[in-house]
C-alpha atoms as a PDB file:
ATOM      1  CA  MET A   1     -16.586   0.016 -16.295  1.00  0.00           C
ATOM      2  CA  LEU A   2     -17.201   2.661 -14.179  1.00  0.00           C
ATOM      3  CA  SER A   3     -20.874   3.033 -15.611  1.00  0.00           C
ATOM      4  CA  TYR A   4     -21.290  -0.816 -15.173  1.00  0.00           C
ATOM      5  CA  LEU A   5     -20.024  -0.269 -11.302  1.00  0.00           C
ATOM      6  CA  LYS A   6     -22.580   2.638 -11.013  1.00  0.00           C
ATOM      7  CA  LYS A   7     -25.481   0.452 -12.321  1.00  0.00           C
ATOM      8  CA  ALA A   8     -24.667  -2.111 -10.024  1.00  0.00           C
ATOM      9  CA  GLY A   9     -24.935   0.328  -6.921  1.00  0.00           C
ATOM     10  CA  LEU A  10     -21.172   0.495  -6.036  1.00  0.00           C
ATOM     11  CA  GLY A  11     -19.384   3.511  -4.542  1.00  0.00           C
ATOM     12  CA  ILE A  12     -16.025   4.009  -6.481  1.00  0.00           C
ATOM     13  CA  SER A  13     -12.752   5.019  -5.532  1.00  0.00           C
ATOM     14  CA  VAL A  14     -10.560   6.255  -8.160  1.00  0.00           C
ATOM     15  CA  GLU A  15      -6.528   6.468  -7.625  1.00  0.00           C
ATOM     16  CA  THR A  16      -4.573   7.994 -10.363  1.00  0.00           C
ATOM     17  CA  ASN A  17      -1.604   9.862 -11.412  1.00  0.00           C
ATOM     18  CA  GLY A  18      -3.310  12.553 -13.414  1.00  0.00           C
ATOM     19  CA  SER A  19      -1.621  11.893 -16.807  1.00  0.00           C
ATOM     20  CA  HIS A  20      -1.908  11.303 -20.165  1.00  0.00           C
ATOM     21  CA  ARG A  21      -5.883  12.214 -20.039  1.00  0.00           C
ATOM     22  CA  LYS A  22      -7.489  14.477 -22.025  1.00  0.00           C
ATOM     23  CA  MET A  23     -10.091  17.116 -20.385  1.00  0.00           C
ATOM     24  CA  ASP A  24     -12.997  14.949 -22.464  1.00  0.00           C
ATOM     25  CA  TRP A  25     -12.099  11.776 -20.223  1.00  0.00           C
ATOM     26  CA  TRP A  26     -12.054  13.581 -17.136  1.00  0.00           C
ATOM     27  CA  ARG A  27     -15.570  15.338 -17.796  1.00  0.00           C
ATOM     28  CA  LYS A  28     -16.944  11.795 -18.681  1.00  0.00           C
ATOM     29  CA  THR A  29     -15.522  10.374 -15.634  1.00  0.00           C
ATOM     30  CA  CYS A  30     -16.967  13.041 -13.336  1.00  0.00           C
ATOM     31  CA  ASP A  31     -20.431  12.783 -15.171  1.00  0.00           C
ATOM     32  CA  ILE A  32     -20.351   9.118 -13.839  1.00  0.00           C
ATOM     33  CA  LEU A  33     -19.413   9.782 -10.331  1.00  0.00           C
ATOM     34  CA  GLY A  34     -21.605  10.591  -7.468  1.00  0.00           C
ATOM     35  CA  ASP A  35     -21.339  12.142  -3.958  1.00  0.00           C
ATOM     36  CA  GLU A  36     -20.294   9.011  -2.671  1.00  0.00           C
ATOM     37  CA  ASP A  37     -17.631   8.431  -5.203  1.00  0.00           C
ATOM     38  CA  MET A  38     -13.847   9.688  -4.868  1.00  0.00           C
ATOM     39  CA  ILE A  39     -10.991  10.507  -7.121  1.00  0.00           C
ATOM     40  CA  THR A  40      -7.256  10.207  -5.045  1.00  0.00           C
ATOM     41  CA  PHE A  41      -4.445  12.048  -7.043  1.00  0.00           C
ATOM     42  CA  SER A  42      -1.308  10.415  -6.336  1.00  0.00           C
ATOM     43  CA  VAL A  43       1.007  13.284  -6.991  1.00  0.00           C
ATOM     44  CA  ASP A  44       4.333  13.000  -5.254  1.00  0.00           C
ATOM     45  CA  GLY A  45       5.882  16.739  -5.340  1.00  0.00           C
ATOM     46  CA  LEU A  46       5.251  19.775  -7.514  1.00  0.00           C
ATOM     47  CA  GLU A  47       5.892  20.564 -10.989  1.00  0.00           C
ATOM     48  CA  ASP A  48       9.637  20.346 -10.654  1.00  0.00           C
ATOM     49  CA  THR A  49       9.745  17.176  -8.499  1.00  0.00           C
ATOM     50  CA  ASN A  50       6.532  15.047  -9.338  1.00  0.00           C
ATOM     51  CA  HIS A  51       8.553  13.342 -12.278  1.00  0.00           C
ATOM     52  CA  ILE A  52      11.070  12.058 -10.340  1.00  0.00           C
ATOM     53  CA  TYR A  53       9.368   9.133  -8.992  1.00  0.00           C
ATOM     54  CA  ARG A  54       6.321   9.277 -11.316  1.00  0.00           C
ATOM     55  CA  ILE A  55       8.204   8.971 -14.777  1.00  0.00           C
ATOM     56  CA  ASN A  56       7.073  10.590 -17.596  1.00  0.00           C
ATOM     57  CA  ALA A  57       4.405  12.368 -15.667  1.00  0.00           C
ATOM     58  CA  ARG A  58       3.207  15.670 -17.253  1.00  0.00           C
ATOM     59  CA  TRP A  59       2.435  18.254 -14.718  1.00  0.00           C
ATOM     60  CA  ASN A  60      -0.014  20.518 -16.523  1.00  0.00           C
ATOM     61  CA  ASP A  61      -2.297  17.276 -17.254  1.00  0.00           C
ATOM     62  CA  ILE A  62      -2.264  16.643 -13.676  1.00  0.00           C
ATOM     63  CA  GLU A  63      -3.032  20.124 -12.383  1.00  0.00           C
ATOM     64  CA  GLN A  64      -5.599  20.796 -14.926  1.00  0.00           C
ATOM     65  CA  ALA A  65      -7.468  17.473 -14.031  1.00  0.00           C
ATOM     66  CA  MET A  66      -7.186  18.217 -10.422  1.00  0.00           C
ATOM     67  CA  ARG A  67      -8.541  21.600 -10.616  1.00  0.00           C
ATOM     68  CA  TYR A  68     -11.443  20.197 -12.964  1.00  0.00           C
ATOM     69  CA  CYS A  69     -12.047  17.343 -10.787  1.00  0.00           C
ATOM     70  CA  ALA A  70     -12.060  18.986  -7.584  1.00  0.00           C
ATOM     71  CA  GLY A  71     -15.279  21.257  -8.513  1.00  0.00           C
ATOM     72  CA  ARG A  72     -17.189  18.332  -9.662  1.00  0.00           C
ATOM     73  CA  VAL A  73     -16.343  15.352  -7.072  1.00  0.00           C
ATOM     74  CA  ALA A  74     -14.493  14.537  -3.551  1.00  0.00           C
ATOM     75  CA  VAL A  75     -10.841  14.864  -4.380  1.00  0.00           C
ATOM     76  CA  ASP A  76      -7.798  13.451  -2.232  1.00  0.00           C
ATOM     77  CA  TRP A  77      -4.340  14.444  -3.037  1.00  0.00           C
ATOM     78  CA  LYS A  78      -1.922  11.723  -1.945  1.00  0.00           C
ATOM     79  CA  PHE A  79       1.698  12.802  -1.646  1.00  0.00           C
ATOM     80  CA  ILE A  80       4.352  10.347  -0.749  1.00  0.00           C
ATOM     81  CA  VAL A  81       7.233  11.960   1.009  1.00  0.00           C
ATOM     82  CA  PHE A  82      10.962  11.639  -0.745  1.00  0.00           C
ATOM     83  CA  ARG A  83      13.966  13.401   0.075  1.00  0.00           C
ATOM     84  CA  HIS A  84      13.735  15.236  -2.980  1.00  0.00           C
ATOM     85  CA  ASN A  85      10.342  16.713  -2.319  1.00  0.00           C
ATOM     86  CA  GLU A  86       9.799  17.096   1.676  1.00  0.00           C
ATOM     87  CA  HIS A  87      10.990  20.911   1.180  1.00  0.00           C
ATOM     88  CA  GLN A  88       7.596  21.059  -0.644  1.00  0.00           C
ATOM     89  CA  ILE A  89       5.294  20.118   2.122  1.00  0.00           C
ATOM     90  CA  ASP A  90       4.091  23.818   2.849  1.00  0.00           C
ATOM     91  CA  ASP A  91       3.928  24.677  -0.961  1.00  0.00           C
ATOM     92  CA  ALA A  92       1.828  21.700  -1.459  1.00  0.00           C
ATOM     93  CA  ARG A  93      -0.637  22.492   1.267  1.00  0.00           C
ATOM     94  CA  LYS A  94      -1.144  26.315  -0.458  1.00  0.00           C
ATOM     95  CA  LEU A  95      -1.661  24.700  -3.886  1.00  0.00           C
ATOM     96  CA  ALA A  96      -3.954  22.057  -2.388  1.00  0.00           C
ATOM     97  CA  GLU A  97      -6.097  24.890  -0.981  1.00  0.00           C
ATOM     98  CA  ASP A  98      -5.990  26.704  -4.112  1.00  0.00           C
ATOM     99  CA  ILE A  99      -7.137  23.744  -6.068  1.00  0.00           C
ATOM    100  CA  GLY A 100      -9.980  22.872  -3.854  1.00  0.00           C
ATOM    101  CA  VAL A 101      -9.004  19.394  -2.722  1.00  0.00           C
ATOM    102  CA  ARG A 102     -10.911  17.938  -0.036  1.00  0.00           C
ATOM    103  CA  ARG A 103      -7.722  16.224   1.892  1.00  0.00           C
ATOM    104  CA  LEU A 104      -3.939  16.582   1.279  1.00  0.00           C
ATOM    105  CA  VAL A 105      -2.592  12.803   2.583  1.00  0.00           C
ATOM    106  CA  PHE A 106       1.019  13.039   3.062  1.00  0.00           C
ATOM    107  CA  LYS A 107       2.095   9.447   2.621  1.00  0.00           C
ATOM    108  CA  LYS A 108       5.108   7.852   4.505  1.00  0.00           C
ATOM    109  CA  SER A 109       6.509   5.268   2.084  1.00  0.00           C
ATOM    110  CA  GLY A 110       7.478   1.759   3.324  1.00  0.00           C
ATOM    111  CA  ARG A 111       9.436   0.843   0.573  1.00  0.00           C
ATOM    112  CA  PHE A 112      12.758   2.785   1.719  1.00  0.00           C
ATOM    113  CA  GLY A 113      16.171   0.293   2.329  1.00  0.00           C
ATOM    114  CA  GLN A 114      18.682   0.697   4.813  1.00  0.00           C
ATOM    115  CA  GLU A 115      20.644   3.181   3.171  1.00  0.00           C
ATOM    116  CA  ASP A 116      18.270   4.531   0.427  1.00  0.00           C
ATOM    117  CA  PRO A 117      19.030   7.940  -0.844  1.00  0.00           C
ATOM    118  CA  MET A 118      15.340   8.799  -1.283  1.00  0.00           C
ATOM    119  CA  THR A 119      14.433   8.233   2.477  1.00  0.00           C
ATOM    120  CA  PRO A 120      13.527  11.831   3.768  1.00  0.00           C
ATOM    121  CA  LEU A 121      15.663  13.440   6.100  1.00  0.00           C
ATOM    122  CA  ASN A 122      13.059  14.578   8.109  1.00  0.00           C
ATOM    123  CA  LYS A 123      12.516  11.638  10.552  1.00  0.00           C
ATOM    124  CA  GLU A 124       8.812  12.474  10.888  1.00  0.00           C
ATOM    125  CA  TYR A 125       8.299  11.355   7.139  1.00  0.00           C
ATOM    126  CA  VAL A 126       9.812   8.049   7.915  1.00  0.00           C
ATOM    127  CA  GLY A 127       7.176   5.708   8.644  1.00  0.00           C
ATOM    128  CA  VAL A 128       6.580   2.670  11.043  1.00  0.00           C
ATOM    129  CA  VAL A 129       6.719   0.306   8.004  1.00  0.00           C
ATOM    130  CA  THR A 130      10.098   1.328   6.822  1.00  0.00           C
ATOM    131  CA  ARG A 131      11.460   1.481  10.328  1.00  0.00           C
ATOM    132  CA  ASN A 132      10.547  -1.900  11.387  1.00  0.00           C
ATOM    133  CA  ARG A 133      11.428  -3.504   8.028  1.00  0.00           C
ATOM    134  CA  ARG A 134      15.077  -2.210   8.508  1.00  0.00           C
ATOM    135  CA  GLU A 135      14.917  -3.629  12.158  1.00  0.00           C
ATOM    136  CA  ILE A 136      13.814  -6.851  10.487  1.00  0.00           C
ATOM    137  CA  ASP A 137      16.491  -6.846   7.851  1.00  0.00           C
ATOM    138  CA  LYS A 138      19.302  -6.518  10.511  1.00  0.00           C
ATOM    139  CA  VAL A 139      17.758  -9.347  12.275  1.00  0.00           C
ATOM    140  CA  MET A 140      17.788 -11.979   9.035  1.00  0.00           C
ATOM    141  CA  GLN A 141      21.411 -10.423   8.278  1.00  0.00           C
ATOM    142  CA  GLY A 142      22.687 -11.229  11.735  1.00  0.00           C
ATOM    143  CA  GLY A 143      22.013 -14.786  11.613  1.00  0.00           C
ATOM    144  CA  MET A 144      20.118 -15.394  14.747  1.00  0.00           C
ATOM    145  CA  ASP A 145      19.324 -18.754  15.993  1.00  0.00           C
ATOM    146  CA  ALA A 146      15.506 -19.652  15.651  1.00  0.00           C
ATOM    147  CA  GLU A 147      14.970 -19.060  19.737  1.00  0.00           C
ATOM    148  CA  ASP A 148      16.464 -15.273  19.313  1.00  0.00           C
ATOM    149  CA  LEU A 149      14.610 -14.993  15.992  1.00  0.00           C
ATOM    150  CA  ASP A 150      11.278 -15.785  17.817  1.00  0.00           C
ATOM    151  CA  ARG A 151      11.801 -13.721  20.696  1.00  0.00           C
ATOM    152  CA  ASN A 152      12.817 -10.404  18.352  1.00  0.00           C
ATOM    153  CA  VAL A 153      10.061 -11.127  15.685  1.00  0.00           C
ATOM    154  CA  GLU A 154       6.701 -11.769  15.713  1.00  0.00           C
ATOM    155  CA  ILE A 155       4.522 -12.763  12.956  1.00  0.00           C
ATOM    156  CA  ALA A 156       1.175 -10.265  12.084  1.00  0.00           C
ATOM    157  CA  PRO A 157      -0.720 -11.536   8.896  1.00  0.00           C
ATOM    158  CA  LYS A 158      -2.290  -8.950   7.225  1.00  0.00           C
ATOM    159  CA  CYS A 159      -4.356 -11.783   5.196  1.00  0.00           C
ATOM    160  CA  ARG A 160      -6.138 -13.113   8.524  1.00  0.00           C
ATOM    161  CA  PHE A 161      -8.275  -9.814   8.172  1.00  0.00           C
ATOM    162  CA  GLY A 162      -9.254 -10.506   4.456  1.00  0.00           C
ATOM    163  CA  LYS A 163      -6.853  -7.978   3.390  1.00  0.00           C
ATOM    164  CA  ASP A 164      -3.923  -8.464   0.833  1.00  0.00           C
ATOM    165  CA  LEU A 165      -5.171 -12.012  -0.428  1.00  0.00           C
ATOM    166  CA  SER A 166      -4.100 -12.282  -3.784  1.00  0.00           C
ATOM    167  CA  ILE A 167      -4.913 -14.313  -7.044  1.00  0.00           C
ATOM    168  CA  THR A 168      -1.903 -14.455  -9.334  1.00  0.00           C
ATOM    169  CA  ALA A 169      -1.948 -14.359 -12.955  1.00  0.00           C
ATOM    170  CA  HIS A 170      -1.752 -18.227 -13.081  1.00  0.00           C
ATOM    171  CA  GLY A 171      -4.505 -18.870 -11.204  1.00  0.00           C
ATOM    172  CA  HIS A 172      -3.079 -19.333  -7.766  1.00  0.00           C
ATOM    173  CA  PHE A 173      -4.837 -17.889  -4.551  1.00  0.00           C
ATOM    174  CA  LEU A 174      -2.228 -16.827  -1.800  1.00  0.00           C
ATOM    175  CA  PRO A 175      -2.536 -14.979   1.128  1.00  0.00           C
ATOM    176  CA  CYS A 176      -0.300 -11.806  -0.769  1.00  0.00           C
ATOM    177  CA  SER A 177       1.226 -11.067  -3.758  1.00  0.00           C
ATOM    178  CA  PRO A 178       4.754 -11.247  -2.106  1.00  0.00           C
ATOM    179  CA  ALA A 179       3.934 -15.092  -1.519  1.00  0.00           C
ATOM    180  CA  GLU A 180       3.921 -15.641  -5.130  1.00  0.00           C
ATOM    181  CA  PRO A 181       7.293 -17.603  -5.560  1.00  0.00           C
ATOM    182  CA  ALA A 182      10.067 -15.771  -7.807  1.00  0.00           C
ATOM    183  CA  GLY A 183      11.698 -18.943  -8.416  1.00  0.00           C
ATOM    184  CA  PRO A 184      11.618 -22.739  -8.032  1.00  0.00           C
ATOM    185  CA  SER A 185      12.264 -22.789  -4.245  1.00  0.00           C
ATOM    186  CA  GLY A 186      10.642 -22.289  -0.978  1.00  0.00           C
ATOM    187  CA  TRP A 187       7.435 -23.514   0.853  1.00  0.00           C
ATOM    188  CA  PHE A 188       4.983 -21.544  -1.521  1.00  0.00           C
ATOM    189  CA  TYR A 189       6.719 -23.334  -4.547  1.00  0.00           C
ATOM    190  CA  GLU A 190       6.716 -26.560  -3.300  1.00  0.00           C
ATOM    191  CA  ASN A 191       2.977 -26.279  -2.214  1.00  0.00           C
ATOM    192  CA  LEU A 192       1.164 -24.572  -5.364  1.00  0.00           C
ATOM    193  CA  GLU A 193      -0.884 -27.136  -6.282  1.00  0.00           C
ATOM    194  CA  HIS A 194      -2.881 -26.716  -2.897  1.00  0.00           C
ATOM    195  CA  PHE A 195      -3.624 -23.451  -4.110  1.00  0.00           C
ATOM    196  CA  ASP A 196      -4.353 -23.725  -7.535  1.00  0.00           C
ATOM    197  CA  LEU A 197      -8.005 -22.049  -8.220  1.00  0.00           C
ATOM    198  CA  ARG A 198      -8.535 -24.396 -11.260  1.00  0.00           C
ATOM    199  CA  ASN A 199      -8.760 -27.081  -8.815  1.00  0.00           C
ATOM    200  CA  PHE A 200     -10.170 -25.824  -5.583  1.00  0.00           C
ATOM    201  CA  PRO A 201     -12.686 -22.972  -4.864  1.00  0.00           C
ATOM    202  CA  ILE A 202     -11.390 -20.121  -2.544  1.00  0.00           C
ATOM    203  CA  GLU A 203     -13.573 -21.356   0.504  1.00  0.00           C
ATOM    204  CA  GLU A 204     -11.855 -25.008   0.149  1.00  0.00           C
ATOM    205  CA  ILE A 205      -8.202 -23.444   0.091  1.00  0.00           C
ATOM    206  CA  LEU A 206      -9.063 -21.318   3.174  1.00  0.00           C
ATOM    207  CA  ALA A 207     -10.237 -24.357   4.785  1.00  0.00           C
ATOM    208  CA  SER A 208      -8.110 -26.919   3.707  1.00  0.00           C
ATOM    209  CA  SER A 209      -5.072 -28.719   6.159  1.00  0.00           C
ATOM    210  CA  LYS A 210      -2.514 -26.848   3.779  1.00  0.00           C
ATOM    211  CA  TRP A 211      -3.545 -23.426   5.096  1.00  0.00           C
ATOM    212  CA  GLN A 212      -4.036 -24.676   8.585  1.00  0.00           C
ATOM    213  CA  GLU A 213      -0.353 -25.525   8.029  1.00  0.00           C
ATOM    214  CA  LEU A 214       0.652 -22.322   7.133  1.00  0.00           C
ATOM    215  CA  GLU A 215      -1.182 -20.627  10.013  1.00  0.00           C
ATOM    216  CA  THR A 216       0.693 -22.857  12.607  1.00  0.00           C
ATOM    217  CA  MET A 217       4.239 -21.934  10.435  1.00  0.00           C
ATOM    218  CA  TRP A 218       2.806 -18.316  11.721  1.00  0.00           C
ATOM    219  CA  GLU A 219       3.072 -18.876  14.991  1.00  0.00           C
ATOM    220  CA  ARG A 220       6.755 -18.565  15.285  1.00  0.00           C
ATOM    221  CA  ALA A 221       9.117 -16.615  12.928  1.00  0.00           C
ATOM    222  CA  SER A 222      11.526 -19.260  12.464  1.00  0.00           C
ATOM    223  CA  THR A 223       9.049 -21.289  11.030  1.00  0.00           C
ATOM    224  CA  ALA A 224       7.171 -19.000   8.663  1.00  0.00           C
ATOM    225  CA  PRO A 225       8.005 -18.839   4.948  1.00  0.00           C
ATOM    226  CA  PRO A 226      10.458 -15.924   4.143  1.00  0.00           C
ATOM    227  CA  ALA A 227       8.084 -14.036   2.469  1.00  0.00           C
ATOM    228  CA  CYS A 228       5.793 -13.989   5.399  1.00  0.00           C
ATOM    229  CA  ARG A 229       8.631 -12.550   7.763  1.00  0.00           C
ATOM    230  CA  GLU A 230       9.512 -10.188   5.291  1.00  0.00           C
ATOM    231  CA  TYR A 231       5.984  -8.416   4.622  1.00  0.00           C
ATOM    232  CA  CYS A 232       4.272  -9.432   8.056  1.00  0.00           C
ATOM    233  CA  GLY A 233       7.519  -9.872  10.251  1.00  0.00           C
ATOM    234  CA  VAL A 234       7.054  -7.160  13.049  1.00  0.00           C
ATOM    235  CA  HIS A 235       9.951  -6.504  15.378  1.00  0.00           C
ATOM    236  CA  LYS A 236       9.442  -6.526  19.156  1.00  0.00           C
ATOM    237  CA  ASP A 237      10.509  -2.874  19.200  1.00  0.00           C
ATOM    238  CA  TYR A 238       7.523  -1.720  16.734  1.00  0.00           C
ATOM    239  CA  LEU A 239       4.767  -3.919  18.242  1.00  0.00           C
ATOM    240  CA  LYS A 240       2.996  -1.171  19.952  1.00  0.00           C
ATOM    241  CA  GLN A 241       3.420   1.311  17.137  1.00  0.00           C
ATOM    242  CA  TYR A 242       2.012  -1.304  14.526  1.00  0.00           C
ATOM    243  CA  SER A 243      -1.158  -1.467  16.974  1.00  0.00           C
ATOM    244  CA  GLU A 244      -1.516   1.670  17.433  1.00  0.00           C
ATOM    245  CA  THR A 245      -1.210   3.110  13.589  1.00  0.00           C
ATOM    246  CA  SER A 246      -2.886   0.116  12.007  1.00  0.00           C
ATOM    247  CA  ARG A 247      -5.953   1.128  10.047  1.00  0.00           C
ATOM    248  CA  PRO A 248      -9.467   0.483  11.785  1.00  0.00           C
ATOM    249  CA  ASP A 249     -10.367  -1.573   8.495  1.00  0.00           C
ATOM    250  CA  ARG A 250      -6.757  -3.085   8.218  1.00  0.00           C
ATOM    251  CA  PRO A 251      -5.374  -4.812  11.170  1.00  0.00           C
ATOM    252  CA  ASN A 252      -1.551  -5.176  11.102  1.00  0.00           C
ATOM    253  CA  LYS A 253      -1.317  -2.832   8.534  1.00  0.00           C
ATOM    254  CA  PRO A 254      -0.069   0.839   9.888  1.00  0.00           C
ATOM    255  CA  GLN A 255      -1.443   3.692   8.052  1.00  0.00           C
ATOM    256  CA  ASP A 256       1.593   5.562   8.177  1.00  0.00           C
ATOM    257  CA  ILE A 257      -0.015   8.912   6.942  1.00  0.00           C
ATOM    258  CA  ILE A 258      -0.476  12.902   7.968  1.00  0.00           C
ATOM    259  CA  ALA A 259      -3.674  13.779   6.387  1.00  0.00           C
ATOM    260  CA  VAL A 260      -4.329  17.431   6.321  1.00  0.00           C
ATOM    261  CA  THR A 261      -8.174  18.129   5.673  1.00  0.00           C
ATOM    262  CA  ILE A 262      -8.295  21.033   3.147  1.00  0.00           C
ATOM    263  CA  GLY A 263     -12.129  21.385   2.331  1.00  0.00           C
ATOM    264  CA  SER A 264     -15.221  20.146   3.173  1.00  0.00           C
END
């Protein structure tokens, strides 16, 4: 697959947990990649902690692969910060320098619930997405009426900018993967036929009256489908932070990282 993409003239970004591959596989991969390509190793901790989240990860495989690849191509290390590994931030920086990666990126997870025991104690590593989501959860559990909900929450659809759009395993084109119905109820379930790629091309779906109906529903949090409120709802207290921390290429999606440049 990588060879095919390179022959087509594409730049490639590989993201991997680094486990369970023999060195011959990494050698072949690096032989294919060029100066414009990169590998990101998602390694969330050190030898004694990475496996807590990355179940069955093999540290020896990972470190050997990182050291080899860092000498061949551009390598970044993405480190999701949890309570069980936050004490290893400084040690990770030292190891990153020793390995020779280009950047060490500390990622603030957006998936921590209200009382999640994996949430870092250091608030610096609790990101905008997590804090916003917790406020949205409070609002939804508080039973606000529609008027209060609309005053407190706005919908900031990521799909409007061509990001997070999803094609499901059943052939439906949806705004994002969370919009895929989990059961036989809800707006998306009731309207699945309008998003069926077996009957309509993507261009027609995006230009359809049903998609326009969805756009109108996003104008108010109280009318937006629940999946849209949960995934793209922004509490009024975080509107400014969402704007300031969003990625240049992904408006409405906070970056929530601390990037440390290690090598050139």
